[in-house]
Amino acid sequence: MNIVVVGSLNMDLVVRMPQIPRPGETLLGGVFKTFPGGKGANQAVAAARLGAHVTMIGCIGDDGFGKEMRVALESEGIDTTHVLVHPEAATGVALIQVDAQGQNSIAVASGANFRLSGSDVDKAMQAIGKFDALVMPLETQLETVYTAVKIASVRGAIVILNPAPAQVLPREILELVDVLIPNEHELALMTGVPVHSVVDVSLAVPKLLQLGAKKVIVTMGGHGAVLFEDGHEALIPACRVQAVDTTAAGDCFVGALAVALCEGRSLLPAAEFASAAAALSVTREGAQPSLPHREEVVQFLLERRKIQ
């Protein structure tokens, strides 16, 4: 299966603290580490480790972080031919704080990610040829996202959009997306409906459907995910694990879902597979280092079935 990811590449600068500082507060004693990240790159690695042939389209700076990002992707077998280098912009950076419960707070300096243009994506996709699915977050310009969606839709590829960081999307984009995957915070911002529970999700998602979305999966961390397809709603319970770091759990879900759909699974079993992969990812530190391989997810699912 061939999956194309159009999105961001960031170096994650991570500080683990007992708690995340409040505004104006300074806390000492944190442990600092760097990890390759960026929602696009995370989703690409997730899909590659689960068995897909992945091509990454993105942009990095001509700097040390950019070189590290390319090496990290290539070590996963990901095609980086279409990862461009911008001579005047720095590689994207994410400043991440993680507390003792594994929850995080993230600030991103997008840098070169926002230099990726629609014409860059057009050229790359023409060179790539046939692919089965397109996966995207929203950490590039909206024009870039729209170009990718249009091309993938015309070619008959599955279009999966993770609207993060959230913004209100035009109907022209939503109508071309096969599966939209927001979390509860992104859903609230996109619809204007406060979301604090599964009931709130059921009230908010119809607004997205009215705007042109076809199928929607709302991820809710430890509360699981809610799937909306063809007028039906299904709750996907979260797999119970001890969370260490939730960074990239949503990206893991997206990449795993893309793989499962490309393998021919229907949406519900694909989402259950993605939920298991995401659960495994939160038991480890870092973004890309936490992403599980195929055999780990299969073993995890087998063990869960024995318990049940």
Protein backbone atom coordinates (compact mmCIF):
# COMPACT_ATOMS: atom_id res chain seq x y z
CA MET A 1 0.00 0.00 0.00
CA ASN A 2 1.25 3.49 -0.84
CA ILE A 3 0.44 6.38 1.49
CA VAL A 4 1.37 10.01 0.90
CA VAL A 5 1.67 12.36 3.87
CA VAL A 6 1.60 16.11 3.30
CA GLY A 7 2.52 17.91 6.48
CA SER A 8 4.89 19.21 9.08
CA LEU A 9 8.32 18.19 10.27
CA ASN A 10 9.31 19.61 13.67
CA MET A 11 12.05 18.92 16.15
CA ASP A 12 10.40 18.37 19.53
CA LEU A 13 12.15 19.98 22.52
CA VAL A 14 10.61 18.18 25.49
CA VAL A 15 10.75 19.01 29.20
CA ARG A 16 9.25 16.49 31.64
CA MET A 17 7.98 18.14 34.85
CA PRO A 18 5.88 17.01 37.84
CA GLN A 19 3.31 19.53 36.59
CA ILE A 20 3.00 22.02 33.74
CA PRO A 21 3.83 25.56 34.95
CA ARG A 22 1.01 28.09 35.15
CA PRO A 23 1.38 31.46 33.36
CA GLY A 24 4.09 33.46 35.13
CA GLU A 25 5.33 30.45 37.11
CA THR A 26 8.85 28.96 36.94
CA LEU A 27 9.44 25.36 38.02
CA LEU A 28 12.84 23.69 38.39
CA GLY A 29 13.85 20.06 38.10
CA GLY A 30 12.67 19.20 34.61
CA VAL A 31 14.35 16.60 32.38
CA PHE A 32 15.09 17.77 28.82
CA LYS A 33 15.22 15.60 25.67
CA THR A 34 14.89 16.15 21.92
CA PHE A 35 12.83 13.91 19.61
CA PRO A 36 11.96 14.06 15.89
CA GLY A 37 8.33 15.12 15.58
CA GLY A 38 5.82 17.25 13.72
CA LYS A 39 2.31 15.93 13.12
CA GLY A 40 2.96 15.12 9.47
CA ALA A 41 6.22 13.30 10.14
CA ASN A 42 4.69 11.47 13.12
CA GLN A 43 1.79 10.24 11.00
CA ALA A 44 4.22 9.15 8.30
CA VAL A 45 6.34 7.14 10.75
CA ALA A 46 3.23 5.60 12.33
CA ALA A 47 2.03 4.35 8.94
CA ALA A 48 5.50 3.12 7.91
CA ARG A 49 6.01 1.11 11.11
CA LEU A 50 2.63 -0.54 10.55
CA GLY A 51 3.55 -1.76 7.07
CA ALA A 52 2.86 1.01 4.54
CA HIS A 53 5.20 2.40 1.91
CA VAL A 54 5.15 6.09 2.80
CA THR A 55 6.17 9.17 0.85
CA MET A 56 6.58 12.41 2.81
CA ILE A 57 5.92 15.83 1.27
CA GLY A 58 7.10 18.70 3.45
CA CYS A 59 9.68 21.41 3.99
CA ILE A 60 12.64 21.78 6.37
CA GLY A 61 15.28 24.41 6.93
CA ASP A 62 18.92 24.19 5.89
CA ASP A 63 20.01 23.52 9.47
CA GLY A 64 20.96 20.78 11.91
CA PHE A 65 17.40 20.02 12.95
CA GLY A 66 16.37 19.65 9.32
CA LYS A 67 19.16 17.18 8.61
CA GLU A 68 18.18 15.17 11.70
CA MET A 69 14.54 15.09 10.59
CA ARG A 70 15.44 13.75 7.15
CA VAL A 71 17.74 11.07 8.60
CA ALA A 72 15.03 10.02 11.07
CA LEU A 73 12.46 9.55 8.30
CA GLU A 74 14.84 7.72 6.00
CA SER A 75 15.79 5.34 8.83
CA GLU A 76 12.09 4.30 8.85
CA GLY A 77 12.15 3.56 5.12
CA ILE A 78 10.15 6.69 4.27
CA ASP A 79 10.74 8.31 0.87
CA THR A 80 12.01 11.87 1.51
CA THR A 81 12.56 12.82 -2.13
CA HIS A 82 9.86 15.47 -1.81
CA VAL A 83 10.96 16.92 1.52
CA LEU A 84 12.18 20.32 0.34
CA VAL A 85 14.90 22.43 1.95
CA HIS A 86 14.18 26.16 2.31
CA PRO A 87 17.38 28.21 2.52
CA GLU A 88 15.87 31.11 4.49
CA ALA A 89 13.56 29.42 7.01
CA ALA A 90 14.39 27.39 10.10
CA THR A 91 13.12 23.85 10.54
CA GLY A 92 9.93 23.80 12.61
CA VAL A 93 10.29 23.42 16.37
CA ALA A 94 7.78 22.30 19.02
CA LEU A 95 8.28 23.24 22.67
CA ILE A 96 6.60 20.49 24.71
CA GLN A 97 5.98 20.24 28.44
CA VAL A 98 4.87 16.87 29.81
CA ASP A 99 3.53 16.37 33.34
CA ALA A 100 3.65 13.35 35.66
CA GLN A 101 0.36 12.01 34.24
CA GLY A 102 1.67 12.13 30.66
CA GLN A 103 -0.45 15.13 29.64
CA ASN A 104 1.25 17.78 27.55
CA SER A 105 1.27 21.43 26.54
CA ILE A 106 2.74 22.31 23.14
CA ALA A 107 3.88 25.53 21.45
CA VAL A 108 5.00 25.34 17.82
CA ALA A 109 7.23 27.62 15.73
CA SER A 110 6.24 26.45 12.24
CA GLY A 111 9.24 27.82 10.35
CA ALA A 112 9.83 26.05 7.04
CA ASN A 113 6.55 24.12 7.27
CA PHE A 114 4.68 27.23 6.16
CA ARG A 115 6.95 27.63 3.13
CA LEU A 116 5.51 24.48 1.52
CA SER A 117 3.27 25.76 -1.29
CA GLY A 118 0.44 24.31 -3.31
CA SER A 119 2.65 24.28 -6.40
CA ASP A 120 5.28 22.30 -4.45
CA VAL A 121 2.64 19.69 -3.61
CA ASP A 122 1.36 19.62 -7.20
CA LYS A 123 4.85 18.91 -8.57
CA ALA A 124 5.53 16.25 -5.96
CA MET A 125 2.27 14.42 -6.53
CA GLN A 126 2.74 14.42 -10.29
CA ALA A 127 6.13 12.76 -9.76
CA ILE A 128 4.84 10.25 -7.22
CA GLY A 129 2.18 8.75 -9.45
CA LYS A 130 -0.40 6.35 -8.00
CA PHE A 131 -1.06 6.18 -4.26
CA ASP A 132 -3.79 4.67 -2.10
CA ALA A 133 -4.29 7.28 0.62
CA LEU A 134 -3.44 10.86 1.46
CA VAL A 135 -2.92 11.80 5.11
CA MET A 136 -2.67 15.42 6.34
CA PRO A 137 -2.69 17.52 9.48
CA LEU A 138 -3.15 21.32 9.33
CA GLU A 139 0.40 22.41 10.16
CA THR A 140 0.95 23.80 6.65
CA GLN A 141 -0.83 26.55 4.72
CA LEU A 142 -4.50 25.89 3.95
CA GLU A 143 -3.84 26.47 0.24
CA THR A 144 -1.33 23.62 0.38
CA VAL A 145 -3.85 21.34 2.07
CA TYR A 146 -6.54 22.21 -0.50
CA THR A 147 -4.21 21.45 -3.41
CA ALA A 148 -3.32 18.05 -1.97
CA VAL A 149 -6.96 17.17 -1.26
CA LYS A 150 -8.08 18.07 -4.79
CA ILE A 151 -5.38 15.99 -6.45
CA ALA A 152 -5.92 12.96 -4.21
CA SER A 153 -9.68 13.11 -4.67
CA VAL A 154 -9.39 13.17 -8.46
CA ARG A 155 -7.08 10.16 -8.32
CA GLY A 156 -9.50 8.18 -6.16
CA ALA A 157 -7.23 7.95 -3.13
CA ILE A 158 -8.64 7.81 0.41
CA VAL A 159 -8.36 11.32 1.89
CA ILE A 160 -7.79 11.48 5.65
CA LEU A 161 -7.57 14.88 7.32
CA ASN A 162 -6.56 15.50 10.92
CA PRO A 163 -7.67 19.13 11.51
CA ALA A 164 -4.92 19.99 13.98
CA PRO A 165 -4.24 22.64 14.99
CA ALA A 166 -7.93 23.39 14.57
CA GLN A 167 -9.40 26.01 12.30
CA VAL A 168 -12.73 26.46 10.56
CA LEU A 169 -12.51 24.70 7.21
CA PRO A 170 -14.36 25.68 4.03
CA ARG A 171 -16.92 23.35 2.48
CA GLU A 172 -14.66 22.94 -0.60
CA ILE A 173 -12.16 21.03 1.54
CA LEU A 174 -14.58 19.14 3.79
CA GLU A 175 -16.53 17.76 0.83
CA LEU A 176 -13.37 16.14 -0.56
CA VAL A 177 -12.27 14.52 2.72
CA ASP A 178 -13.25 10.88 3.23
CA VAL A 179 -12.46 10.70 6.96
CA LEU A 180 -12.10 13.72 9.24
CA ILE A 181 -10.34 13.04 12.57
CA PRO A 182 -10.52 15.89 15.12
CA ASN A 183 -10.10 15.55 18.87
CA GLU A 184 -12.71 17.03 21.21
CA HIS A 185 -10.93 20.40 21.46
CA GLU A 186 -10.62 20.72 17.67
CA LEU A 187 -14.25 19.70 17.24
CA ALA A 188 -15.36 22.45 19.64
CA LEU A 189 -13.35 25.11 17.83
CA MET A 190 -14.55 24.01 14.40
CA THR A 191 -18.24 23.94 15.35
CA GLY A 192 -18.58 26.50 18.16
CA VAL A 193 -20.19 23.81 20.36
CA PRO A 194 -18.51 23.25 23.77
CA VAL A 195 -17.39 19.62 23.99
CA HIS A 196 -16.88 18.00 27.40
CA SER A 197 -18.51 14.59 26.94
CA VAL A 198 -19.66 12.01 24.40
CA VAL A 199 -23.11 13.63 24.50
CA ASP A 200 -21.56 16.96 23.48
CA VAL A 201 -19.75 15.21 20.62
CA SER A 202 -23.09 13.92 19.34
CA LEU A 203 -24.39 17.49 19.31
CA ALA A 204 -21.34 18.99 17.60
CA VAL A 205 -20.56 16.49 14.83
CA PRO A 206 -23.83 17.07 12.88
CA LYS A 207 -22.62 20.62 12.28
CA LEU A 208 -19.54 19.22 10.52
CA LEU A 209 -21.72 16.86 8.51
CA GLN A 210 -23.89 19.80 7.43
CA LEU A 211 -20.74 21.57 6.23
CA GLY A 212 -19.86 18.66 3.94
CA ALA A 213 -17.87 16.19 6.08
CA LYS A 214 -18.60 12.56 5.12
CA LYS A 215 -17.25 10.40 7.94
CA VAL A 216 -15.96 11.70 11.26
CA ILE A 217 -13.99 10.07 14.08
CA VAL A 218 -13.59 12.19 17.22
CA THR A 219 -10.67 11.07 19.39
CA MET A 220 -11.07 11.72 23.11
CA GLY A 221 -7.88 10.35 24.68
CA GLY A 222 -8.61 8.10 27.64
CA HIS A 223 -12.35 8.32 26.92
CA GLY A 224 -11.96 6.53 23.59
CA ALA A 225 -13.26 7.70 20.23
CA VAL A 226 -16.67 8.29 18.65
CA LEU A 227 -17.29 7.31 15.04
CA PHE A 228 -19.94 8.80 12.77
CA GLU A 229 -20.67 7.06 9.47
CA ASP A 230 -23.75 7.03 7.24
CA GLY A 231 -26.05 8.24 10.00
CA HIS A 232 -24.72 5.77 12.54
CA GLU A 233 -22.71 6.52 15.68
CA ALA A 234 -20.37 4.11 17.49
CA LEU A 235 -18.25 4.45 20.62
CA ILE A 236 -14.78 2.92 20.50
CA PRO A 237 -13.62 2.37 24.10
CA ALA A 238 -10.06 3.36 24.96
CA CYS A 239 -7.57 0.58 25.69
CA ARG A 240 -6.55 0.89 29.35
CA VAL A 241 -2.80 1.47 29.72
CA GLN A 242 -0.47 3.40 32.02
CA ALA A 243 0.18 6.69 30.22
CA VAL A 244 3.74 8.01 30.21
CA ASP A 245 3.54 10.61 27.43
CA THR A 246 0.49 11.34 25.26
CA THR A 247 2.49 13.29 22.64
CA ALA A 248 1.74 11.89 19.15
CA ALA A 249 -1.05 9.56 20.30
CA GLY A 250 -3.47 11.28 17.93
CA ASP A 251 -0.92 11.10 15.12
CA CYS A 252 -0.47 7.40 15.78
CA PHE A 253 -4.24 6.92 15.53
CA VAL A 254 -4.34 8.74 12.18
CA GLY A 255 -1.44 6.81 10.65
CA ALA A 256 -2.78 3.47 11.87
CA LEU A 257 -6.27 4.22 10.57
CA ALA A 258 -4.86 5.01 7.13
CA VAL A 259 -3.02 1.68 7.04
CA ALA A 260 -6.07 -0.30 8.14
CA LEU A 261 -8.33 1.39 5.56
CA CYS A 262 -5.80 0.76 2.79
CA GLU A 263 -5.82 -2.91 3.77
CA GLY A 264 -9.55 -2.97 3.05
CA ARG A 265 -10.96 -2.86 6.58
CA SER A 266 -14.21 -1.01 7.11
CA LEU A 267 -14.16 2.11 9.26
CA LEU A 268 -15.11 0.60 12.64
CA PRO A 269 -12.52 -2.23 12.74
CA ALA A 270 -9.95 0.18 11.28
CA ALA A 271 -10.65 2.60 14.13
CA GLU A 272 -10.35 -0.21 16.69
CA PHE A 273 -6.93 -1.13 15.26
CA ALA A 274 -5.92 2.55 15.37
CA SER A 275 -7.09 2.84 18.98
CA ALA A 276 -4.87 -0.07 20.01
CA ALA A 277 -1.85 1.45 18.24
CA ALA A 278 -2.46 4.81 19.91
CA ALA A 279 -2.77 3.18 23.33
CA LEU A 280 0.62 1.55 22.92
CA SER A 281 2.17 4.88 21.93
CA VAL A 282 1.25 6.63 25.19
CA THR A 283 3.19 4.07 27.23
CA ARG A 284 6.50 5.50 25.96
CA GLU A 285 8.34 8.81 25.84
CA GLY A 286 8.64 11.04 22.80
CA ALA A 287 6.70 11.47 19.58
CA GLN A 288 8.24 9.23 16.92
CA PRO A 289 10.12 6.96 19.39
CA SER A 290 6.78 6.02 20.97
CA LEU A 291 5.12 4.82 17.76
CA PRO A 292 4.60 1.03 17.71
CA HIS A 293 5.57 -1.48 15.06
CA ARG A 294 3.06 -3.83 13.44
CA GLU A 295 3.94 -6.92 15.46
CA GLU A 296 3.55 -4.99 18.73
CA VAL A 297 0.00 -3.91 17.86
CA VAL A 298 -0.97 -7.43 16.76
CA GLN A 299 0.39 -8.89 20.00
CA PHE A 300 -1.35 -6.21 22.07
CA LEU A 301 -4.70 -7.00 20.43
CA LEU A 302 -4.21 -10.73 20.98
CA GLU A 303 -3.51 -10.20 24.67
CA ARG A 304 -6.58 -7.96 25.04
CA ARG A 305 -8.80 -10.62 23.48
CA LYS A 306 -7.48 -13.23 25.92
CA ILE A 307 -8.31 -10.97 28.87
CA GLN A 308 -11.78 -10.23 27.53
